[in-house]
Amino acid sequence: MSDIITKYSIKLRELLKDSEARLKSVSAKIAESAEDARDVAAEQLEVLEKNAEKAQASLKTARDDVANWLDDPEEKVKAWMHERDVARLEARAKRAERYAEAASEVAKASMESAEMATLQAKLARMDAEAAKGGA
């Protein structure tokens, strides 16, 4: 069991690190070149939007899996363990693992959505600042 926990902990940490690295990279590029800042942020936003479009089908499946996953009542599980019904217990474990994988996909999509929102906010702030400077 700890192998599964470790696997998904590592996966989620990697997703967070990747997201943070992308945002830091865009921020550094914006700081380097103020005149190209809007283009840099817009380009990264476009990449994220394309990735989101590509992931829609698998994300829908993942969200459906998360919504449809129902854990078996504790009494049933205890009975299966008492009866040593390995087939049912194995099937339950596989469903739980698919649920964990689906939940990770939903988390990844949520992080990418947060990245897009962050970049959209940056672009909106840049527009507001540009308008102040041009007034």
N, C-alpha and C. Protein backbone atom coordinates (compact mmCIF):
# COMPACT_ATOMS: atom_id res chain seq x y z
N MET A 1 0.82 -1.20 0.00
CA MET A 1 0.00 0.00 0.00
C MET A 1 0.86 1.25 0.00
N SER A 2 1.95 1.24 0.74
CA SER A 2 2.79 2.43 0.78
C SER A 2 3.39 2.73 -0.60
N ASP A 3 3.56 1.68 -1.44
CA ASP A 3 4.05 1.91 -2.80
C ASP A 3 3.08 2.78 -3.58
N ILE A 4 1.80 2.53 -3.43
CA ILE A 4 0.78 3.32 -4.14
C ILE A 4 0.77 4.75 -3.60
N ILE A 5 0.84 4.90 -2.30
CA ILE A 5 0.86 6.23 -1.70
C ILE A 5 2.09 6.99 -2.18
N THR A 6 3.22 6.33 -2.17
CA THR A 6 4.45 6.96 -2.64
C THR A 6 4.33 7.36 -4.10
N LYS A 7 3.79 6.47 -4.92
CA LYS A 7 3.64 6.74 -6.36
C LYS A 7 2.82 8.00 -6.60
N TYR A 8 1.67 8.11 -5.95
CA TYR A 8 0.82 9.27 -6.19
C TYR A 8 1.33 10.52 -5.50
N SER A 9 2.02 10.37 -4.38
CA SER A 9 2.64 11.53 -3.74
C SER A 9 3.71 12.13 -4.65
N ILE A 10 4.52 11.25 -5.22
CA ILE A 10 5.57 11.70 -6.14
C ILE A 10 4.95 12.36 -7.36
N LYS A 11 3.91 11.74 -7.91
CA LYS A 11 3.26 12.28 -9.10
C LYS A 11 2.70 13.68 -8.84
N LEU A 12 2.03 13.86 -7.72
CA LEU A 12 1.45 15.17 -7.40
C LEU A 12 2.53 16.21 -7.14
N ARG A 13 3.60 15.81 -6.46
CA ARG A 13 4.72 16.73 -6.23
C ARG A 13 5.34 17.16 -7.55
N GLU A 14 5.49 16.21 -8.48
CA GLU A 14 6.06 16.53 -9.79
C GLU A 14 5.15 17.49 -10.56
N LEU A 15 3.85 17.28 -10.47
CA LEU A 15 2.91 18.19 -11.14
C LEU A 15 3.05 19.61 -10.59
N LEU A 16 3.14 19.72 -9.27
CA LEU A 16 3.30 21.04 -8.64
C LEU A 16 4.63 21.69 -9.03
N LYS A 17 5.70 20.90 -9.02
CA LYS A 17 7.01 21.44 -9.40
C LYS A 17 7.01 21.90 -10.85
N ASP A 18 6.40 21.11 -11.74
CA ASP A 18 6.35 21.49 -13.16
C ASP A 18 5.57 22.78 -13.35
N SER A 19 4.45 22.88 -12.67
CA SER A 19 3.63 24.09 -12.76
C SER A 19 4.40 25.31 -12.25
N GLU A 20 5.04 25.15 -11.11
CA GLU A 20 5.82 26.24 -10.53
C GLU A 20 6.96 26.64 -11.47
N ALA A 21 7.63 25.65 -12.05
CA ALA A 21 8.75 25.94 -12.95
C ALA A 21 8.28 26.71 -14.19
N ARG A 22 7.14 26.31 -14.74
CA ARG A 22 6.62 27.03 -15.92
C ARG A 22 6.29 28.48 -15.58
N LEU A 23 5.64 28.68 -14.44
CA LEU A 23 5.29 30.05 -14.05
C LEU A 23 6.53 30.88 -13.75
N LYS A 24 7.53 30.28 -13.11
CA LYS A 24 8.78 31.01 -12.84
C LYS A 24 9.49 31.36 -14.14
N SER A 25 9.47 30.44 -15.09
CA SER A 25 10.11 30.69 -16.39
C SER A 25 9.44 31.85 -17.11
N VAL A 26 8.12 31.84 -17.14
CA VAL A 26 7.39 32.93 -17.79
C VAL A 26 7.67 34.24 -17.06
N SER A 27 7.68 34.20 -15.74
CA SER A 27 7.95 35.40 -14.95
C SER A 27 9.35 35.95 -15.24
N ALA A 28 10.33 35.05 -15.34
CA ALA A 28 11.70 35.48 -15.64
C ALA A 28 11.79 36.09 -17.03
N LYS A 29 11.12 35.48 -18.00
CA LYS A 29 11.14 36.01 -19.37
C LYS A 29 10.48 37.38 -19.42
N ILE A 30 9.41 37.55 -18.66
CA ILE A 30 8.72 38.83 -18.61
C ILE A 30 9.64 39.89 -18.00
N ALA A 31 10.34 39.53 -16.93
CA ALA A 31 11.25 40.47 -16.27
C ALA A 31 12.42 40.86 -17.17
N GLU A 32 12.90 39.93 -18.00
CA GLU A 32 14.02 40.19 -18.91
C GLU A 32 13.67 41.21 -19.98
N SER A 33 12.48 41.07 -20.50
CA SER A 33 12.13 41.85 -21.66
C SER A 33 10.74 42.44 -21.50
N ALA A 34 10.68 43.61 -20.91
CA ALA A 34 9.40 44.24 -20.63
C ALA A 34 8.57 44.46 -21.89
N GLU A 35 9.22 44.81 -23.01
CA GLU A 35 8.42 45.08 -24.21
C GLU A 35 7.81 43.82 -24.82
N ASP A 36 8.44 42.67 -24.57
CA ASP A 36 7.90 41.41 -25.09
C ASP A 36 7.08 40.65 -24.06
N ALA A 37 6.89 41.24 -22.89
CA ALA A 37 6.26 40.56 -21.77
C ALA A 37 4.88 40.04 -22.12
N ARG A 38 4.09 40.85 -22.78
CA ARG A 38 2.73 40.44 -23.12
C ARG A 38 2.77 39.23 -24.05
N ASP A 39 3.66 39.25 -25.04
CA ASP A 39 3.78 38.14 -25.98
C ASP A 39 4.21 36.85 -25.28
N VAL A 40 5.15 36.97 -24.34
CA VAL A 40 5.63 35.80 -23.61
C VAL A 40 4.49 35.16 -22.82
N ALA A 41 3.74 35.98 -22.09
CA ALA A 41 2.63 35.47 -21.29
C ALA A 41 1.54 34.89 -22.19
N ALA A 42 1.25 35.56 -23.27
CA ALA A 42 0.22 35.08 -24.20
C ALA A 42 0.62 33.76 -24.85
N GLU A 43 1.90 33.62 -25.19
CA GLU A 43 2.38 32.36 -25.79
C GLU A 43 2.23 31.19 -24.82
N GLN A 44 2.61 31.41 -23.57
CA GLN A 44 2.49 30.34 -22.57
C GLN A 44 1.03 30.00 -22.34
N LEU A 45 0.17 31.01 -22.31
CA LEU A 45 -1.26 30.78 -22.14
C LEU A 45 -1.79 29.94 -23.30
N GLU A 46 -1.36 30.24 -24.52
CA GLU A 46 -1.79 29.48 -25.69
C GLU A 46 -1.36 28.01 -25.59
N VAL A 47 -0.14 27.77 -25.13
CA VAL A 47 0.35 26.40 -24.95
C VAL A 47 -0.54 25.65 -23.95
N LEU A 48 -0.84 26.29 -22.82
CA LEU A 48 -1.68 25.65 -21.81
C LEU A 48 -3.08 25.37 -22.34
N GLU A 49 -3.63 26.32 -23.11
CA GLU A 49 -4.96 26.12 -23.67
C GLU A 49 -4.98 24.96 -24.66
N LYS A 50 -3.94 24.83 -25.48
CA LYS A 50 -3.85 23.71 -26.42
C LYS A 50 -3.75 22.38 -25.67
N ASN A 51 -2.94 22.36 -24.62
CA ASN A 51 -2.82 21.14 -23.81
C ASN A 51 -4.16 20.77 -23.18
N ALA A 52 -4.89 21.78 -22.72
CA ALA A 52 -6.19 21.53 -22.11
C ALA A 52 -7.17 20.96 -23.13
N GLU A 53 -7.14 21.49 -24.35
CA GLU A 53 -8.02 20.96 -25.40
C GLU A 53 -7.70 19.50 -25.70
N LYS A 54 -6.41 19.18 -25.80
CA LYS A 54 -6.00 17.80 -26.08
C LYS A 54 -6.43 16.85 -24.97
N ALA A 55 -6.43 17.33 -23.75
CA ALA A 55 -6.69 16.48 -22.59
C ALA A 55 -8.18 16.34 -22.27
N GLN A 56 -9.05 17.03 -22.99
CA GLN A 56 -10.46 17.04 -22.64
C GLN A 56 -11.10 15.65 -22.57
N ALA A 57 -10.83 14.79 -23.55
CA ALA A 57 -11.45 13.46 -23.57
C ALA A 57 -11.00 12.63 -22.36
N SER A 58 -9.69 12.61 -22.11
CA SER A 58 -9.22 11.81 -20.98
C SER A 58 -9.65 12.44 -19.66
N LEU A 59 -9.74 13.77 -19.62
CA LEU A 59 -10.20 14.44 -18.41
C LEU A 59 -11.66 14.11 -18.13
N LYS A 60 -12.49 14.07 -19.17
CA LYS A 60 -13.89 13.71 -18.98
C LYS A 60 -14.00 12.29 -18.43
N THR A 61 -13.22 11.38 -18.99
CA THR A 61 -13.21 10.01 -18.50
C THR A 61 -12.76 9.97 -17.04
N ALA A 62 -11.72 10.72 -16.73
CA ALA A 62 -11.20 10.75 -15.36
C ALA A 62 -12.25 11.31 -14.40
N ARG A 63 -12.90 12.40 -14.80
CA ARG A 63 -13.94 12.98 -13.92
C ARG A 63 -15.10 12.01 -13.74
N ASP A 64 -15.47 11.31 -14.81
CA ASP A 64 -16.54 10.30 -14.70
C ASP A 64 -16.12 9.19 -13.75
N ASP A 65 -14.86 8.75 -13.86
CA ASP A 65 -14.37 7.70 -12.96
C ASP A 65 -14.42 8.16 -11.51
N VAL A 66 -14.01 9.39 -11.27
CA VAL A 66 -14.04 9.92 -9.91
C VAL A 66 -15.48 9.98 -9.41
N ALA A 67 -16.39 10.46 -10.26
CA ALA A 67 -17.80 10.60 -9.87
C ALA A 67 -18.47 9.24 -9.65
N ASN A 68 -18.05 8.24 -10.43
CA ASN A 68 -18.72 6.94 -10.37
C ASN A 68 -18.12 5.96 -9.38
N TRP A 69 -16.97 6.28 -8.84
CA TRP A 69 -16.31 5.33 -7.95
C TRP A 69 -17.03 5.29 -6.62
N LEU A 70 -17.50 4.12 -6.27
CA LEU A 70 -18.15 3.94 -4.98
C LEU A 70 -17.42 2.86 -4.23
N ASP A 71 -17.03 3.16 -3.03
CA ASP A 71 -16.36 2.17 -2.22
C ASP A 71 -17.39 1.16 -1.73
N ASP A 72 -16.95 -0.07 -1.59
CA ASP A 72 -17.84 -1.11 -1.10
C ASP A 72 -18.08 -0.91 0.39
N PRO A 73 -19.30 -1.26 0.83
CA PRO A 73 -19.58 -1.12 2.27
C PRO A 73 -18.58 -1.95 3.08
N GLU A 74 -18.26 -1.45 4.25
CA GLU A 74 -17.27 -2.10 5.11
C GLU A 74 -17.65 -3.55 5.43
N GLU A 75 -18.96 -3.79 5.59
CA GLU A 75 -19.41 -5.15 5.91
C GLU A 75 -19.05 -6.13 4.79
N LYS A 76 -19.23 -5.67 3.54
CA LYS A 76 -18.90 -6.54 2.41
C LYS A 76 -17.40 -6.83 2.38
N VAL A 77 -16.61 -5.82 2.60
CA VAL A 77 -15.15 -5.99 2.57
C VAL A 77 -14.72 -6.96 3.67
N LYS A 78 -15.28 -6.79 4.86
CA LYS A 78 -14.95 -7.71 5.97
C LYS A 78 -15.34 -9.14 5.62
N ALA A 79 -16.50 -9.28 4.99
CA ALA A 79 -16.94 -10.63 4.60
C ALA A 79 -16.00 -11.21 3.55
N TRP A 80 -15.60 -10.41 2.59
CA TRP A 80 -14.68 -10.90 1.55
C TRP A 80 -13.35 -11.31 2.17
N MET A 81 -12.88 -10.53 3.14
CA MET A 81 -11.61 -10.88 3.80
C MET A 81 -11.77 -12.16 4.61
N HIS A 82 -12.88 -12.27 5.32
CA HIS A 82 -13.13 -13.47 6.13
C HIS A 82 -13.21 -14.70 5.22
N GLU A 83 -13.87 -14.54 4.07
CA GLU A 83 -14.03 -15.65 3.12
C GLU A 83 -12.79 -15.83 2.24
N ARG A 84 -11.84 -14.91 2.37
CA ARG A 84 -10.64 -14.89 1.53
C ARG A 84 -11.03 -14.87 0.05
N ASP A 85 -11.98 -13.98 -0.25
CA ASP A 85 -12.44 -13.82 -1.63
C ASP A 85 -11.47 -12.88 -2.36
N VAL A 86 -10.36 -13.46 -2.77
CA VAL A 86 -9.28 -12.70 -3.37
C VAL A 86 -9.74 -11.98 -4.64
N ALA A 87 -10.57 -12.64 -5.43
CA ALA A 87 -11.01 -12.04 -6.70
C ALA A 87 -11.75 -10.72 -6.45
N ARG A 88 -12.66 -10.71 -5.51
CA ARG A 88 -13.41 -9.46 -5.21
C ARG A 88 -12.50 -8.41 -4.58
N LEU A 89 -11.64 -8.84 -3.68
CA LEU A 89 -10.72 -7.89 -3.05
C LEU A 89 -9.75 -7.30 -4.07
N GLU A 90 -9.29 -8.14 -5.00
CA GLU A 90 -8.39 -7.67 -6.06
C GLU A 90 -9.12 -6.69 -6.97
N ALA A 91 -10.36 -6.99 -7.32
CA ALA A 91 -11.15 -6.09 -8.17
C ALA A 91 -11.37 -4.75 -7.47
N ARG A 92 -11.63 -4.82 -6.16
CA ARG A 92 -11.83 -3.59 -5.39
C ARG A 92 -10.54 -2.76 -5.37
N ALA A 93 -9.41 -3.41 -5.20
CA ALA A 93 -8.13 -2.70 -5.18
C ALA A 93 -7.87 -2.05 -6.54
N LYS A 94 -8.17 -2.76 -7.62
CA LYS A 94 -7.96 -2.19 -8.95
C LYS A 94 -8.87 -0.99 -9.18
N ARG A 95 -10.12 -1.06 -8.71
CA ARG A 95 -11.03 0.10 -8.83
C ARG A 95 -10.49 1.29 -8.06
N ALA A 96 -9.98 1.02 -6.87
CA ALA A 96 -9.42 2.10 -6.04
C ALA A 96 -8.20 2.71 -6.71
N GLU A 97 -7.37 1.91 -7.35
CA GLU A 97 -6.20 2.43 -8.05
C GLU A 97 -6.61 3.26 -9.27
N ARG A 98 -7.64 2.81 -9.99
CA ARG A 98 -8.14 3.61 -11.12
C ARG A 98 -8.70 4.93 -10.62
N TYR A 99 -9.36 4.89 -9.48
CA TYR A 99 -9.89 6.10 -8.87
C TYR A 99 -8.75 7.07 -8.52
N ALA A 100 -7.68 6.54 -7.94
CA ALA A 100 -6.53 7.39 -7.59
C ALA A 100 -5.91 8.00 -8.84
N GLU A 101 -5.79 7.21 -9.89
CA GLU A 101 -5.24 7.71 -11.15
C GLU A 101 -6.14 8.80 -11.74
N ALA A 102 -7.44 8.55 -11.71
CA ALA A 102 -8.39 9.54 -12.23
C ALA A 102 -8.35 10.83 -11.41
N ALA A 103 -8.27 10.68 -10.09
CA ALA A 103 -8.20 11.87 -9.23
C ALA A 103 -6.93 12.67 -9.51
N SER A 104 -5.83 11.97 -9.82
CA SER A 104 -4.59 12.65 -10.19
C SER A 104 -4.76 13.43 -11.49
N GLU A 105 -5.45 12.86 -12.45
CA GLU A 105 -5.70 13.55 -13.72
C GLU A 105 -6.55 14.80 -13.50
N VAL A 106 -7.55 14.69 -12.65
CA VAL A 106 -8.37 15.86 -12.32
C VAL A 106 -7.53 16.92 -11.62
N ALA A 107 -6.65 16.51 -10.72
CA ALA A 107 -5.77 17.46 -10.03
C ALA A 107 -4.85 18.15 -11.02
N LYS A 108 -4.31 17.39 -11.96
CA LYS A 108 -3.42 17.97 -12.98
C LYS A 108 -4.17 19.02 -13.79
N ALA A 109 -5.38 18.70 -14.21
CA ALA A 109 -6.18 19.66 -14.98
C ALA A 109 -6.48 20.90 -14.16
N SER A 110 -6.73 20.72 -12.88
CA SER A 110 -7.01 21.86 -12.01
C SER A 110 -5.78 22.76 -11.87
N MET A 111 -4.61 22.15 -11.77
CA MET A 111 -3.38 22.95 -11.68
C MET A 111 -3.13 23.72 -12.97
N GLU A 112 -3.37 23.07 -14.11
CA GLU A 112 -3.18 23.75 -15.38
C GLU A 112 -4.20 24.88 -15.54
N SER A 113 -5.40 24.65 -15.05
CA SER A 113 -6.42 25.70 -15.07
C SER A 113 -5.99 26.88 -14.20
N ALA A 114 -5.40 26.59 -13.06
CA ALA A 114 -4.89 27.66 -12.19
C ALA A 114 -3.75 28.41 -12.87
N GLU A 115 -2.90 27.70 -13.59
CA GLU A 115 -1.82 28.36 -14.35
C GLU A 115 -2.42 29.31 -15.39
N MET A 116 -3.43 28.82 -16.11
CA MET A 116 -4.07 29.66 -17.13
C MET A 116 -4.67 30.90 -16.49
N ALA A 117 -5.34 30.73 -15.37
CA ALA A 117 -5.94 31.86 -14.69
C ALA A 117 -4.88 32.86 -14.23
N THR A 118 -3.75 32.34 -13.77
CA THR A 118 -2.65 33.21 -13.33
C THR A 118 -2.12 34.03 -14.51
N LEU A 119 -1.93 33.37 -15.65
CA LEU A 119 -1.44 34.08 -16.83
C LEU A 119 -2.47 35.07 -17.35
N GLN A 120 -3.76 34.70 -17.31
CA GLN A 120 -4.80 35.63 -17.73
C GLN A 120 -4.82 36.85 -16.81
N ALA A 121 -4.62 36.62 -15.53
CA ALA A 121 -4.58 37.74 -14.57
C ALA A 121 -3.37 38.63 -14.87
N LYS A 122 -2.24 38.01 -15.18
CA LYS A 122 -1.04 38.79 -15.51
C LYS A 122 -1.28 39.64 -16.75
N LEU A 123 -1.88 39.04 -17.78
CA LEU A 123 -2.18 39.79 -19.00
C LEU A 123 -3.14 40.94 -18.72
N ALA A 124 -4.16 40.67 -17.90
CA ALA A 124 -5.12 41.74 -17.56
C ALA A 124 -4.44 42.88 -16.80
N ARG A 125 -3.53 42.51 -15.88
CA ARG A 125 -2.80 43.52 -15.12
C ARG A 125 -1.90 44.33 -16.05
N MET A 126 -1.26 43.65 -17.01
CA MET A 126 -0.41 44.36 -17.95
C MET A 126 -1.21 45.33 -18.80
N ASP A 127 -2.41 44.93 -19.20
CA ASP A 127 -3.28 45.82 -19.97
C ASP A 127 -3.65 47.05 -19.15
N ALA A 128 -3.99 46.81 -17.88
CA ALA A 128 -4.38 47.92 -17.00
C ALA A 128 -3.19 48.88 -16.81
N GLU A 129 -2.03 48.32 -16.59
CA GLU A 129 -0.82 49.16 -16.40
C GLU A 129 -0.48 49.93 -17.68
N ALA A 130 -0.65 49.27 -18.83
CA ALA A 130 -0.38 49.95 -20.09
C ALA A 130 -1.34 51.11 -20.31
N ALA A 131 -2.59 50.90 -19.92
CA ALA A 131 -3.58 51.97 -20.06
C ALA A 131 -3.26 53.14 -19.14
N LYS A 132 -2.78 52.85 -17.96
CA LYS A 132 -2.40 53.93 -17.02
C LYS A 132 -1.24 54.74 -17.58
N GLY A 133 -0.27 54.02 -18.15
CA GLY A 133 0.90 54.68 -18.69
C GLY A 133 0.58 55.48 -19.94
N GLY A 134 -0.40 55.02 -20.70
CA GLY A 134 -0.76 55.70 -21.95
C GLY A 134 -1.73 56.84 -21.75
N ALA A 135 -2.28 56.98 -20.55
CA ALA A 135 -3.28 58.03 -20.32
C ALA A 135 -2.69 59.36 -20.10
